[in-house]
Amino acid sequence: MKTQDVTEKPILEVNNLETGFTIDNKFYNAVDKVSFSVKPNKIVGIVGESGCGKSVMSLSIMNLLPKGIGEIANGTILFDGNEINKLNNNEMNKIRGKDMSMIFQEPMTALNPVFTVGYQIMETLINHSDISKKDAKLKSIDLLKSVGIPRPEKIVDEYPHQLSGGMRQRVMIAIAIACKPKLLIADEPTTALDVTVQAQILELMKTIQQENNMSIILITHDLGVVAEMCDEVIVMYAGKIVEKTDVDTLFHNPKHPYTKALIQSVPKLDVIQETLGTISGIVPSLKNMPEQGCRFVDRCSMAKSECRTKTPTLKPTVDLGQADDSKEHLVSCLLYDEA
């Protein structure tokens, strides 16, 4: 079984991706030489503070960058073996919503306020399958029911503003899974929801993923969500991947100072803490991104003088005492270059 997991062909491969924006007639990279893959039926978490490039990367994959401002400057994106980053909008529309879907960060702005939720689900079904409007509406009701919305026969004819935040998020999930995609990108799917609803949404996503053998990219800054949901974790900082490994290794043996600081900033129920760990400063803006050295250096408690001049690269590191050496642990930090 282990051999199968290692050799299984990824559903998504991102290679050396560089995505940026033109600001004051100058191009700045928001995603800088990022590479990773997602295997079938796996959940990959992408974590980091706001401004680390997580959402820009997801929009790059979906080819939804704002036209004329953002663009993919370099790299390739392979979905199901096909390079999709060079497809035009019409060609991408055949993939988006059908084989690849996305749950956006704000359901109130992602849903169209002038159309009923049923219409918006039906639109996806009609665009990607040979189905009548009558059958599409019945399917929409079934989808609303499957995501735990009560009275779906009535809700299908209501507008987004008539629903609570949790129900709108469930509608977004219903739209995203309508055509049973191979890959679902969930960008902060529990933002602004209360704790109880968050737990329900996450449990729903896990169930749907298992029932449909679907892969998920879960973008979040909540490490509790990562621990609960993910198989693998990618930690991003200032547009770069700084650490990448399986979820158990990340929490039991974090390597990068940024990852350690993120974990230390999470309250623990079984430990008495007088003060909660914090990370000083903020993520550098695109205009103020260091041209050389480690981008975390100004906020790192373990920084050395060479961290300002030598740029680290993402390399494998050894986890001493780890029973399963097939699990890859990559870290971008000069502290581990010699090791």
C-alpha atoms as a PDB file:
ATOM      1  CA  MET A   1       0.000   0.000   0.000  1.00  0.00           C
ATOM      2  CA  LYS A   2       2.874   2.352   0.815  1.00  0.00           C
ATOM      3  CA  THR A   3       4.436   1.716  -2.600  1.00  0.00           C
ATOM      4  CA  GLN A   4       1.153   2.587  -4.285  1.00  0.00           C
ATOM      5  CA  ASP A   5       0.945   5.940  -2.473  1.00  0.00           C
ATOM      6  CA  VAL A   6       4.518   6.857  -3.479  1.00  0.00           C
ATOM      7  CA  THR A   7       4.175   5.964  -7.162  1.00  0.00           C
ATOM      8  CA  GLU A   8       0.582   7.110  -7.681  1.00  0.00           C
ATOM      9  CA  LYS A   9       0.354   9.805 -10.342  1.00  0.00           C
ATOM     10  CA  PRO A  10      -0.635  13.208  -8.923  1.00  0.00           C
ATOM     11  CA  ILE A  11      -3.905  14.789 -10.011  1.00  0.00           C
ATOM     12  CA  LEU A  12      -2.224  18.221  -9.841  1.00  0.00           C
ATOM     13  CA  GLU A  13       1.421  19.198 -10.377  1.00  0.00           C
ATOM     14  CA  VAL A  14       2.620  22.768  -9.908  1.00  0.00           C
ATOM     15  CA  ASN A  15       6.187  23.295 -11.118  1.00  0.00           C
ATOM     16  CA  ASN A  16       8.287  26.405 -10.462  1.00  0.00           C
ATOM     17  CA  LEU A  17       5.213  28.660 -10.473  1.00  0.00           C
ATOM     18  CA  GLU A  18       5.797  32.407 -10.501  1.00  0.00           C
ATOM     19  CA  THR A  19       2.731  34.643 -10.321  1.00  0.00           C
ATOM     20  CA  GLY A  20       2.826  38.369  -9.851  1.00  0.00           C
ATOM     21  CA  PHE A  21       1.158  41.749 -10.207  1.00  0.00           C
ATOM     22  CA  THR A  22       2.079  44.950 -11.991  1.00  0.00           C
ATOM     23  CA  ILE A  23       2.197  47.844  -9.525  1.00  0.00           C
ATOM     24  CA  ASP A  24       3.254  51.319 -10.704  1.00  0.00           C
ATOM     25  CA  ASN A  25       4.489  49.800 -13.963  1.00  0.00           C
ATOM     26  CA  LYS A  26       6.745  47.312 -12.151  1.00  0.00           C
ATOM     27  CA  PHE A  27       6.184  43.561 -11.859  1.00  0.00           C
ATOM     28  CA  TYR A  28       6.320  41.937  -8.411  1.00  0.00           C
ATOM     29  CA  ASN A  29       6.163  38.196  -7.688  1.00  0.00           C
ATOM     30  CA  ALA A  30       3.466  37.234  -5.173  1.00  0.00           C
ATOM     31  CA  VAL A  31       4.134  33.510  -5.711  1.00  0.00           C
ATOM     32  CA  ASP A  32       7.825  32.807  -6.210  1.00  0.00           C
ATOM     33  CA  LYS A  33       9.107  29.507  -7.674  1.00  0.00           C
ATOM     34  CA  VAL A  34       6.525  27.316  -5.945  1.00  0.00           C
ATOM     35  CA  SER A  35       6.388  23.583  -6.699  1.00  0.00           C
ATOM     36  CA  PHE A  36       4.138  20.908  -5.200  1.00  0.00           C
ATOM     37  CA  SER A  37       1.766  18.119  -6.164  1.00  0.00           C
ATOM     38  CA  VAL A  38      -1.566  16.729  -4.992  1.00  0.00           C
ATOM     39  CA  LYS A  39      -2.244  13.003  -5.147  1.00  0.00           C
ATOM     40  CA  PRO A  40      -5.693  11.504  -5.786  1.00  0.00           C
ATOM     41  CA  ASN A  41      -7.989  11.289  -2.758  1.00  0.00           C
ATOM     42  CA  LYS A  42      -5.632  13.352  -0.573  1.00  0.00           C
ATOM     43  CA  ILE A  43      -6.105  16.616   1.321  1.00  0.00           C
ATOM     44  CA  VAL A  44      -3.190  19.049   1.120  1.00  0.00           C
ATOM     45  CA  GLY A  45      -3.230  21.985   3.509  1.00  0.00           C
ATOM     46  CA  ILE A  46      -1.587  25.305   2.635  1.00  0.00           C
ATOM     47  CA  VAL A  47      -0.967  27.481   5.690  1.00  0.00           C
ATOM     48  CA  GLY A  48       0.548  30.858   6.413  1.00  0.00           C
ATOM     49  CA  GLU A  49      -0.390  34.375   7.429  1.00  0.00           C
ATOM     50  CA  SER A  50      -2.435  36.713   5.256  1.00  0.00           C
ATOM     51  CA  GLY A  51      -0.269  38.031   2.437  1.00  0.00           C
ATOM     52  CA  CYS A  52       1.825  34.872   2.029  1.00  0.00           C
ATOM     53  CA  GLY A  53       0.490  34.115  -1.469  1.00  0.00           C
ATOM     54  CA  LYS A  54      -1.914  31.268  -0.669  1.00  0.00           C
ATOM     55  CA  SER A  55      -4.985  32.693  -2.424  1.00  0.00           C
ATOM     56  CA  VAL A  56      -2.968  34.044  -5.373  1.00  0.00           C
ATOM     57  CA  MET A  57      -1.598  30.553  -5.926  1.00  0.00           C
ATOM     58  CA  SER A  58      -5.093  29.041  -5.898  1.00  0.00           C
ATOM     59  CA  LEU A  59      -6.370  31.667  -8.353  1.00  0.00           C
ATOM     60  CA  SER A  60      -3.390  30.874 -10.589  1.00  0.00           C
ATOM     61  CA  ILE A  61      -4.372  27.209 -10.635  1.00  0.00           C
ATOM     62  CA  MET A  62      -7.965  28.109 -11.515  1.00  0.00           C
ATOM     63  CA  ASN A  63      -6.821  30.727 -14.065  1.00  0.00           C
ATOM     64  CA  LEU A  64      -8.881  33.394 -12.294  1.00  0.00           C
ATOM     65  CA  LEU A  65      -6.262  36.112 -11.835  1.00  0.00           C
ATOM     66  CA  PRO A  66      -7.510  39.664 -12.496  1.00  0.00           C
ATOM     67  CA  LYS A  67      -6.931  40.378 -16.176  1.00  0.00           C
ATOM     68  CA  GLY A  68      -4.373  43.015 -16.999  1.00  0.00           C
ATOM     69  CA  ILE A  69      -2.990  43.111 -13.447  1.00  0.00           C
ATOM     70  CA  GLY A  70      -2.002  39.610 -12.398  1.00  0.00           C
ATOM     71  CA  GLU A  71      -0.254  37.072 -14.587  1.00  0.00           C
ATOM     72  CA  ILE A  72       1.663  33.809 -14.450  1.00  0.00           C
ATOM     73  CA  ALA A  73       5.206  34.819 -15.368  1.00  0.00           C
ATOM     74  CA  ASN A  74       6.781  31.371 -15.296  1.00  0.00           C
ATOM     75  CA  GLY A  75       6.181  27.712 -14.476  1.00  0.00           C
ATOM     76  CA  THR A  76       3.682  25.031 -15.407  1.00  0.00           C
ATOM     77  CA  ILE A  77       0.449  23.727 -13.930  1.00  0.00           C
ATOM     78  CA  LEU A  78      -0.477  20.168 -14.862  1.00  0.00           C
ATOM     79  CA  PHE A  79      -3.976  18.944 -14.077  1.00  0.00           C
ATOM     80  CA  ASP A  80      -4.694  15.276 -14.733  1.00  0.00           C
ATOM     81  CA  GLY A  81      -1.553  15.186 -16.881  1.00  0.00           C
ATOM     82  CA  ASN A  82      -2.493  18.182 -19.060  1.00  0.00           C
ATOM     83  CA  GLU A  83      -0.851  21.617 -18.950  1.00  0.00           C
ATOM     84  CA  ILE A  84      -3.667  24.042 -18.155  1.00  0.00           C
ATOM     85  CA  ASN A  85      -1.879  27.338 -17.484  1.00  0.00           C
ATOM     86  CA  LYS A  86      -1.753  28.108 -21.225  1.00  0.00           C
ATOM     87  CA  LEU A  87      -5.427  27.385 -21.915  1.00  0.00           C
ATOM     88  CA  ASN A  88      -7.678  30.267 -22.932  1.00  0.00           C
ATOM     89  CA  ASN A  89     -10.797  31.193 -20.964  1.00  0.00           C
ATOM     90  CA  ASN A  90     -13.188  29.102 -23.071  1.00  0.00           C
ATOM     91  CA  GLU A  91     -10.989  26.036 -22.696  1.00  0.00           C
ATOM     92  CA  MET A  92     -10.682  26.592 -18.932  1.00  0.00           C
ATOM     93  CA  ASN A  93     -14.451  26.974 -18.602  1.00  0.00           C
ATOM     94  CA  LYS A  94     -14.798  23.351 -19.692  1.00  0.00           C
ATOM     95  CA  ILE A  95     -12.636  22.324 -16.712  1.00  0.00           C
ATOM     96  CA  ARG A  96     -13.669  24.837 -14.034  1.00  0.00           C
ATOM     97  CA  GLY A  97     -16.755  23.688 -12.192  1.00  0.00           C
ATOM     98  CA  LYS A  98     -16.598  20.223 -13.727  1.00  0.00           C
ATOM     99  CA  ASP A  99     -13.223  18.583 -13.042  1.00  0.00           C
ATOM    100  CA  MET A 100     -11.820  21.344 -10.846  1.00  0.00           C
ATOM    101  CA  SER A 101     -13.866  23.523  -8.488  1.00  0.00           C
ATOM    102  CA  MET A 102     -13.264  26.178  -5.862  1.00  0.00           C
ATOM    103  CA  ILE A 103     -14.934  27.288  -2.640  1.00  0.00           C
ATOM    104  CA  PHE A 104     -14.179  30.981  -2.355  1.00  0.00           C
ATOM    105  CA  GLN A 105     -13.275  32.808   0.812  1.00  0.00           C
ATOM    106  CA  GLU A 106     -16.369  35.015   1.152  1.00  0.00           C
ATOM    107  CA  PRO A 107     -19.652  33.257   0.271  1.00  0.00           C
ATOM    108  CA  MET A 108     -21.635  36.504   0.404  1.00  0.00           C
ATOM    109  CA  THR A 109     -19.510  38.091  -2.311  1.00  0.00           C
ATOM    110  CA  ALA A 110     -18.927  34.874  -4.272  1.00  0.00           C
ATOM    111  CA  LEU A 111     -22.665  34.196  -4.611  1.00  0.00           C
ATOM    112  CA  ASN A 112     -24.604  36.465  -6.989  1.00  0.00           C
ATOM    113  CA  PRO A 113     -27.152  38.434  -4.902  1.00  0.00           C
ATOM    114  CA  VAL A 114     -29.671  38.811  -7.747  1.00  0.00           C
ATOM    115  CA  PHE A 115     -30.088  35.093  -8.488  1.00  0.00           C
ATOM    116  CA  THR A 116     -31.571  32.388  -6.305  1.00  0.00           C
ATOM    117  CA  VAL A 117     -29.193  29.806  -4.875  1.00  0.00           C
ATOM    118  CA  GLY A 118     -30.991  27.156  -6.913  1.00  0.00           C
ATOM    119  CA  TYR A 119     -30.351  29.040 -10.147  1.00  0.00           C
ATOM    120  CA  GLN A 120     -26.660  29.306  -9.330  1.00  0.00           C
ATOM    121  CA  ILE A 121     -26.369  25.563  -8.699  1.00  0.00           C
ATOM    122  CA  MET A 122     -28.412  24.794 -11.826  1.00  0.00           C
ATOM    123  CA  GLU A 123     -26.096  26.994 -13.909  1.00  0.00           C
ATOM    124  CA  THR A 124     -23.128  24.753 -13.096  1.00  0.00           C
ATOM    125  CA  LEU A 125     -25.070  21.576 -13.846  1.00  0.00           C
ATOM    126  CA  ILE A 126     -26.480  22.849 -17.155  1.00  0.00           C
ATOM    127  CA  ASN A 127     -23.115  24.203 -18.352  1.00  0.00           C
ATOM    128  CA  HIS A 128     -21.289  20.930 -17.756  1.00  0.00           C
ATOM    129  CA  SER A 129     -23.852  18.201 -18.429  1.00  0.00           C
ATOM    130  CA  ASP A 130     -26.692  17.339 -20.793  1.00  0.00           C
ATOM    131  CA  ILE A 131     -29.543  17.942 -18.354  1.00  0.00           C
ATOM    132  CA  SER A 132     -32.905  19.702 -18.555  1.00  0.00           C
ATOM    133  CA  LYS A 133     -33.809  22.673 -16.329  1.00  0.00           C
ATOM    134  CA  LYS A 134     -36.386  20.553 -14.515  1.00  0.00           C
ATOM    135  CA  ASP A 135     -33.902  17.799 -13.738  1.00  0.00           C
ATOM    136  CA  ALA A 136     -31.241  20.382 -12.854  1.00  0.00           C
ATOM    137  CA  LYS A 137     -33.560  21.896 -10.252  1.00  0.00           C
ATOM    138  CA  LEU A 138     -34.291  18.479  -8.757  1.00  0.00           C
ATOM    139  CA  LYS A 139     -30.557  17.781  -8.684  1.00  0.00           C
ATOM    140  CA  SER A 140     -29.990  21.152  -6.994  1.00  0.00           C
ATOM    141  CA  ILE A 141     -32.458  20.218  -4.269  1.00  0.00           C
ATOM    142  CA  ASP A 142     -30.636  16.908  -3.765  1.00  0.00           C
ATOM    143  CA  LEU A 143     -27.310  18.754  -3.536  1.00  0.00           C
ATOM    144  CA  LEU A 144     -28.660  21.197  -0.952  1.00  0.00           C
ATOM    145  CA  LYS A 145     -29.942  18.261   1.042  1.00  0.00           C
ATOM    146  CA  SER A 146     -26.589  16.469   0.767  1.00  0.00           C
ATOM    147  CA  VAL A 147     -24.762  19.448   2.303  1.00  0.00           C
ATOM    148  CA  GLY A 148     -27.101  19.493   5.278  1.00  0.00           C
ATOM    149  CA  ILE A 149     -29.436  22.368   4.400  1.00  0.00           C
ATOM    150  CA  PRO A 150     -32.927  21.885   5.905  1.00  0.00           C
ATOM    151  CA  ARG A 151     -36.046  22.415   3.768  1.00  0.00           C
ATOM    152  CA  PRO A 152     -34.064  22.312   0.489  1.00  0.00           C
ATOM    153  CA  GLU A 153     -37.290  22.488  -1.554  1.00  0.00           C
ATOM    154  CA  LYS A 154     -37.842  25.993  -0.170  1.00  0.00           C
ATOM    155  CA  ILE A 155     -34.234  27.163   0.135  1.00  0.00           C
ATOM    156  CA  VAL A 156     -33.616  26.418  -3.560  1.00  0.00           C
ATOM    157  CA  ASP A 157     -35.824  29.418  -4.443  1.00  0.00           C
ATOM    158  CA  GLU A 158     -34.325  31.828  -1.917  1.00  0.00           C
ATOM    159  CA  TYR A 159     -31.622  34.458  -2.393  1.00  0.00           C
ATOM    160  CA  PRO A 160     -28.202  34.545  -0.669  1.00  0.00           C
ATOM    161  CA  HIS A 161     -29.161  37.436   1.628  1.00  0.00           C
ATOM    162  CA  GLN A 162     -31.981  35.326   3.074  1.00  0.00           C
ATOM    163  CA  LEU A 163     -29.528  32.695   4.348  1.00  0.00           C
ATOM    164  CA  SER A 164     -27.134  32.634   7.292  1.00  0.00           C
ATOM    165  CA  GLY A 165     -23.351  32.574   6.812  1.00  0.00           C
ATOM    166  CA  GLY A 166     -23.189  28.848   7.457  1.00  0.00           C
ATOM    167  CA  MET A 167     -25.960  28.107   4.962  1.00  0.00           C
ATOM    168  CA  ARG A 168     -24.325  30.305   2.300  1.00  0.00           C
ATOM    169  CA  GLN A 169     -21.095  28.397   2.806  1.00  0.00           C
ATOM    170  CA  ARG A 170     -22.987  25.123   2.349  1.00  0.00           C
ATOM    171  CA  VAL A 171     -24.480  26.493  -0.877  1.00  0.00           C
ATOM    172  CA  MET A 172     -20.949  27.274  -2.085  1.00  0.00           C
ATOM    173  CA  ILE A 173     -19.949  23.682  -1.333  1.00  0.00           C
ATOM    174  CA  ALA A 174     -23.030  22.393  -3.181  1.00  0.00           C
ATOM    175  CA  ILE A 175     -22.051  24.405  -6.267  1.00  0.00           C
ATOM    176  CA  ALA A 176     -18.449  23.221  -6.036  1.00  0.00           C
ATOM    177  CA  ILE A 177     -19.326  19.504  -5.799  1.00  0.00           C
ATOM    178  CA  ALA A 178     -22.263  19.577  -8.233  1.00  0.00           C
ATOM    179  CA  CYS A 179     -20.303  17.832 -10.996  1.00  0.00           C
ATOM    180  CA  LYS A 180     -18.192  15.675  -8.652  1.00  0.00           C
ATOM    181  CA  PRO A 181     -14.839  17.305  -9.446  1.00  0.00           C
ATOM    182  CA  LYS A 182     -11.529  15.495  -9.162  1.00  0.00           C
ATOM    183  CA  LEU A 183      -9.980  18.477  -7.356  1.00  0.00           C
ATOM    184  CA  LEU A 184     -11.596  20.918  -4.936  1.00  0.00           C
ATOM    185  CA  ILE A 185      -9.778  24.076  -3.831  1.00  0.00           C
ATOM    186  CA  ALA A 186     -11.188  25.439  -0.564  1.00  0.00           C
ATOM    187  CA  ASP A 187      -9.939  28.945   0.248  1.00  0.00           C
ATOM    188  CA  GLU A 188     -10.579  29.627   3.952  1.00  0.00           C
ATOM    189  CA  PRO A 189     -13.908  27.728   3.840  1.00  0.00           C
ATOM    190  CA  THR A 190     -14.704  28.426   7.517  1.00  0.00           C
ATOM    191  CA  THR A 191     -13.781  32.125   7.704  1.00  0.00           C
ATOM    192  CA  ALA A 192     -16.218  34.243   9.781  1.00  0.00           C
ATOM    193  CA  LEU A 193     -18.218  31.190  10.860  1.00  0.00           C
ATOM    194  CA  ASP A 194     -18.821  30.348  14.505  1.00  0.00           C
ATOM    195  CA  VAL A 195     -17.014  27.363  15.989  1.00  0.00           C
ATOM    196  CA  THR A 196     -19.965  24.965  15.833  1.00  0.00           C
ATOM    197  CA  VAL A 197     -20.672  25.736  12.169  1.00  0.00           C
ATOM    198  CA  GLN A 198     -16.949  25.468  11.370  1.00  0.00           C
ATOM    199  CA  ALA A 199     -16.876  21.941  12.740  1.00  0.00           C
ATOM    200  CA  GLN A 200     -19.979  21.017  10.718  1.00  0.00           C
ATOM    201  CA  ILE A 201     -18.531  22.437   7.471  1.00  0.00           C
ATOM    202  CA  LEU A 202     -15.214  20.621   7.951  1.00  0.00           C
ATOM    203  CA  GLU A 203     -16.943  17.331   8.737  1.00  0.00           C
ATOM    204  CA  LEU A 204     -19.113  17.800   5.659  1.00  0.00           C
ATOM    205  CA  MET A 205     -16.078  18.405   3.433  1.00  0.00           C
ATOM    206  CA  LYS A 206     -14.321  15.338   4.822  1.00  0.00           C
ATOM    207  CA  THR A 207     -17.378  13.175   4.164  1.00  0.00           C
ATOM    208  CA  ILE A 208     -17.813  14.489   0.619  1.00  0.00           C
ATOM    209  CA  GLN A 209     -14.127  13.941  -0.115  1.00  0.00           C
ATOM    210  CA  GLN A 210     -14.264  10.326   1.022  1.00  0.00           C
ATOM    211  CA  GLU A 211     -17.533   9.581  -0.799  1.00  0.00           C
ATOM    212  CA  ASN A 212     -16.322  11.015  -4.119  1.00  0.00           C
ATOM    213  CA  ASN A 213     -12.606  10.050  -3.918  1.00  0.00           C
ATOM    214  CA  MET A 214     -11.836  13.728  -4.384  1.00  0.00           C
ATOM    215  CA  SER A 215      -8.579  15.598  -3.813  1.00  0.00           C
ATOM    216  CA  ILE A 216      -8.699  18.837  -1.829  1.00  0.00           C
ATOM    217  CA  ILE A 217      -6.377  21.810  -1.479  1.00  0.00           C
ATOM    218  CA  LEU A 218      -7.334  23.413   1.829  1.00  0.00           C
ATOM    219  CA  ILE A 219      -6.082  26.971   2.269  1.00  0.00           C
ATOM    220  CA  THR A 220      -6.179  28.202   5.851  1.00  0.00           C
ATOM    221  CA  HIS A 221      -4.291  29.977   8.627  1.00  0.00           C
ATOM    222  CA  ASP A 222      -5.914  27.754  11.257  1.00  0.00           C
ATOM    223  CA  LEU A 223      -3.521  24.988  12.318  1.00  0.00           C
ATOM    224  CA  GLY A 224      -6.338  23.243  14.166  1.00  0.00           C
ATOM    225  CA  VAL A 225      -8.141  22.794  10.853  1.00  0.00           C
ATOM    226  CA  VAL A 226      -4.933  21.455   9.294  1.00  0.00           C
ATOM    227  CA  ALA A 227      -4.454  18.887  12.080  1.00  0.00           C
ATOM    228  CA  GLU A 228      -8.057  17.725  11.726  1.00  0.00           C
ATOM    229  CA  MET A 229      -8.324  17.564   7.949  1.00  0.00           C
ATOM    230  CA  CYS A 230      -5.039  17.255   6.062  1.00  0.00           C
ATOM    231  CA  ASP A 231      -2.746  14.459   4.909  1.00  0.00           C
ATOM    232  CA  GLU A 232       0.085  16.748   3.827  1.00  0.00           C
ATOM    233  CA  VAL A 233       0.950  20.352   4.704  1.00  0.00           C
ATOM    234  CA  ILE A 234       2.676  23.167   2.823  1.00  0.00           C
ATOM    235  CA  VAL A 235       3.799  26.182   4.875  1.00  0.00           C
ATOM    236  CA  MET A 236       4.145  29.397   2.850  1.00  0.00           C
ATOM    237  CA  TYR A 237       5.799  32.654   3.768  1.00  0.00           C
ATOM    238  CA  ALA A 238       6.120  35.766   1.570  1.00  0.00           C
ATOM    239  CA  GLY A 239       5.312  33.872  -1.625  1.00  0.00           C
ATOM    240  CA  LYS A 240       7.650  30.929  -1.019  1.00  0.00           C
ATOM    241  CA  ILE A 241       7.262  27.430   0.407  1.00  0.00           C
ATOM    242  CA  VAL A 242       9.355  27.223   3.582  1.00  0.00           C
ATOM    243  CA  GLU A 243       8.343  23.735   4.738  1.00  0.00           C
ATOM    244  CA  LYS A 244       6.515  20.758   3.243  1.00  0.00           C
ATOM    245  CA  THR A 245       5.777  17.377   4.834  1.00  0.00           C
ATOM    246  CA  ASP A 246       3.010  15.091   6.103  1.00  0.00           C
ATOM    247  CA  VAL A 247       0.719  16.429   8.818  1.00  0.00           C
ATOM    248  CA  ASP A 248       2.013  14.193  11.646  1.00  0.00           C
ATOM    249  CA  THR A 249       5.638  15.138  11.026  1.00  0.00           C
ATOM    250  CA  LEU A 250       4.817  18.835  10.842  1.00  0.00           C
ATOM    251  CA  PHE A 251       3.216  18.924  14.282  1.00  0.00           C
ATOM    252  CA  HIS A 252       5.607  16.518  15.998  1.00  0.00           C
ATOM    253  CA  ASN A 253       8.833  17.719  14.410  1.00  0.00           C
ATOM    254  CA  PRO A 254       8.521  21.186  12.807  1.00  0.00           C
ATOM    255  CA  LYS A 255      11.804  22.433  11.351  1.00  0.00           C
ATOM    256  CA  HIS A 256      11.472  25.948   9.982  1.00  0.00           C
ATOM    257  CA  PRO A 257      11.491  28.772  12.588  1.00  0.00           C
ATOM    258  CA  TYR A 258       8.333  30.194  10.992  1.00  0.00           C
ATOM    259  CA  THR A 259       6.484  26.873  11.313  1.00  0.00           C
ATOM    260  CA  LYS A 260       7.628  26.551  14.929  1.00  0.00           C
ATOM    261  CA  ALA A 261       6.430  30.083  15.681  1.00  0.00           C
ATOM    262  CA  LEU A 262       3.021  29.393  14.117  1.00  0.00           C
ATOM    263  CA  ILE A 263       2.571  26.247  16.213  1.00  0.00           C
ATOM    264  CA  GLN A 264       3.722  28.003  19.392  1.00  0.00           C
ATOM    265  CA  SER A 265       1.129  30.719  18.828  1.00  0.00           C
ATOM    266  CA  VAL A 266      -1.720  28.206  19.125  1.00  0.00           C
ATOM    267  CA  PRO A 267      -3.206  27.856  22.647  1.00  0.00           C
ATOM    268  CA  LYS A 268      -2.867  24.380  24.180  1.00  0.00           C
ATOM    269  CA  LEU A 269      -5.508  22.964  26.493  1.00  0.00           C
ATOM    270  CA  ASP A 270      -3.132  20.606  28.315  1.00  0.00           C
ATOM    271  CA  VAL A 271      -0.413  23.178  29.026  1.00  0.00           C
ATOM    272  CA  ILE A 272      -0.565  26.153  31.385  1.00  0.00           C
ATOM    273  CA  GLN A 273       0.720  29.177  29.481  1.00  0.00           C
ATOM    274  CA  GLU A 274       1.233  32.575  31.056  1.00  0.00           C
ATOM    275  CA  THR A 275       1.663  34.189  27.659  1.00  0.00           C
ATOM    276  CA  LEU A 276       0.877  32.985  24.155  1.00  0.00           C
ATOM    277  CA  GLY A 277       3.655  32.824  21.600  1.00  0.00           C
ATOM    278  CA  THR A 278       3.693  35.633  19.029  1.00  0.00           C
ATOM    279  CA  ILE A 279       5.585  36.526  15.853  1.00  0.00           C
ATOM    280  CA  SER A 280       6.841  40.096  15.806  1.00  0.00           C
ATOM    281  CA  GLY A 281       6.375  42.263  12.736  1.00  0.00           C
ATOM    282  CA  ILE A 282       4.338  41.549   9.609  1.00  0.00           C
ATOM    283  CA  VAL A 283       4.759  39.797   6.250  1.00  0.00           C
ATOM    284  CA  PRO A 284       6.728  42.134   3.918  1.00  0.00           C
ATOM    285  CA  SER A 285       4.700  43.762   1.152  1.00  0.00           C
ATOM    286  CA  LEU A 286       5.404  42.999  -2.498  1.00  0.00           C
ATOM    287  CA  LYS A 287       7.198  46.331  -2.903  1.00  0.00           C
ATOM    288  CA  ASN A 288       9.418  45.706   0.122  1.00  0.00           C
ATOM    289  CA  MET A 289      10.293  42.058  -0.507  1.00  0.00           C
ATOM    290  CA  PRO A 290      14.004  41.327   0.192  1.00  0.00           C
ATOM    291  CA  GLU A 291      15.913  40.629  -3.030  1.00  0.00           C
ATOM    292  CA  GLN A 292      18.365  38.298  -1.307  1.00  0.00           C
ATOM    293  CA  GLY A 293      18.576  36.278   1.883  1.00  0.00           C
ATOM    294  CA  CYS A 294      15.743  34.695   3.848  1.00  0.00           C
ATOM    295  CA  ARG A 295      12.462  36.602   3.713  1.00  0.00           C
ATOM    296  CA  PHE A 296      11.699  35.690   7.326  1.00  0.00           C
ATOM    297  CA  VAL A 297      14.998  37.035   8.665  1.00  0.00           C
ATOM    298  CA  ASP A 298      13.628  40.246  10.271  1.00  0.00           C
ATOM    299  CA  ARG A 299      11.104  38.259  12.316  1.00  0.00           C
ATOM    300  CA  CYS A 300      13.200  35.175  13.070  1.00  0.00           C
ATOM    301  CA  SER A 301      14.572  34.588  16.568  1.00  0.00           C
ATOM    302  CA  MET A 302      17.159  32.131  15.196  1.00  0.00           C
ATOM    303  CA  ALA A 303      18.533  34.286  12.357  1.00  0.00           C
ATOM    304  CA  LYS A 304      22.276  34.417  11.661  1.00  0.00           C
ATOM    305  CA  SER A 305      24.231  37.061   9.755  1.00  0.00           C
ATOM    306  CA  GLU A 306      24.373  34.914   6.619  1.00  0.00           C
ATOM    307  CA  CYS A 307      20.563  34.721   6.562  1.00  0.00           C
ATOM    308  CA  ARG A 308      20.550  38.279   5.166  1.00  0.00           C
ATOM    309  CA  THR A 309      22.870  37.525   2.266  1.00  0.00           C
ATOM    310  CA  LYS A 310      22.392  33.850   1.362  1.00  0.00           C
ATOM    311  CA  THR A 311      19.020  32.747  -0.013  1.00  0.00           C
ATOM    312  CA  PRO A 312      17.876  29.326   1.289  1.00  0.00           C
ATOM    313  CA  THR A 313      16.404  26.694  -1.008  1.00  0.00           C
ATOM    314  CA  LEU A 314      13.831  24.001  -0.315  1.00  0.00           C
ATOM    315  CA  LYS A 315      15.777  20.824   0.510  1.00  0.00           C
ATOM    316  CA  PRO A 316      15.112  17.429   2.120  1.00  0.00           C
ATOM    317  CA  THR A 317      16.018  17.155   5.782  1.00  0.00           C
ATOM    318  CA  VAL A 318      16.442  14.131   8.042  1.00  0.00           C
ATOM    319  CA  ASP A 319      13.919  13.404  10.787  1.00  0.00           C
ATOM    320  CA  LEU A 320      15.841  11.434  13.391  1.00  0.00           C
ATOM    321  CA  GLY A 321      13.864   8.590  14.903  1.00  0.00           C
ATOM    322  CA  GLN A 322      11.186   8.653  12.219  1.00  0.00           C
ATOM    323  CA  ALA A 323       9.983   5.122  11.556  1.00  0.00           C
ATOM    324  CA  ASP A 324       8.692   5.767   8.035  1.00  0.00           C
ATOM    325  CA  ASP A 325      11.543   7.177   5.946  1.00  0.00           C
ATOM    326  CA  SER A 326       9.347   7.271   2.823  1.00  0.00           C
ATOM    327  CA  LYS A 327       7.757  10.499   4.096  1.00  0.00           C
ATOM    328  CA  GLU A 328       9.502  13.474   2.577  1.00  0.00           C
ATOM    329  CA  HIS A 329      10.291  16.486   4.763  1.00  0.00           C
ATOM    330  CA  LEU A 330      11.440  19.581   2.844  1.00  0.00           C
ATOM    331  CA  VAL A 331      12.665  22.753   4.565  1.00  0.00           C
ATOM    332  CA  SER A 332      13.944  26.061   3.214  1.00  0.00           C
ATOM    333  CA  CYS A 333      16.271  27.284   5.973  1.00  0.00           C
ATOM    334  CA  LEU A 334      20.017  27.818   6.242  1.00  0.00           C
ATOM    335  CA  LEU A 335      19.980  26.167   9.700  1.00  0.00           C
ATOM    336  CA  TYR A 336      19.583  22.808   7.956  1.00  0.00           C
ATOM    337  CA  ASP A 337      21.876  23.323   4.960  1.00  0.00           C
ATOM    338  CA  GLU A 338      24.859  21.675   6.651  1.00  0.00           C
ATOM    339  CA  ALA A 339      22.751  18.767   7.936  1.00  0.00           C
END
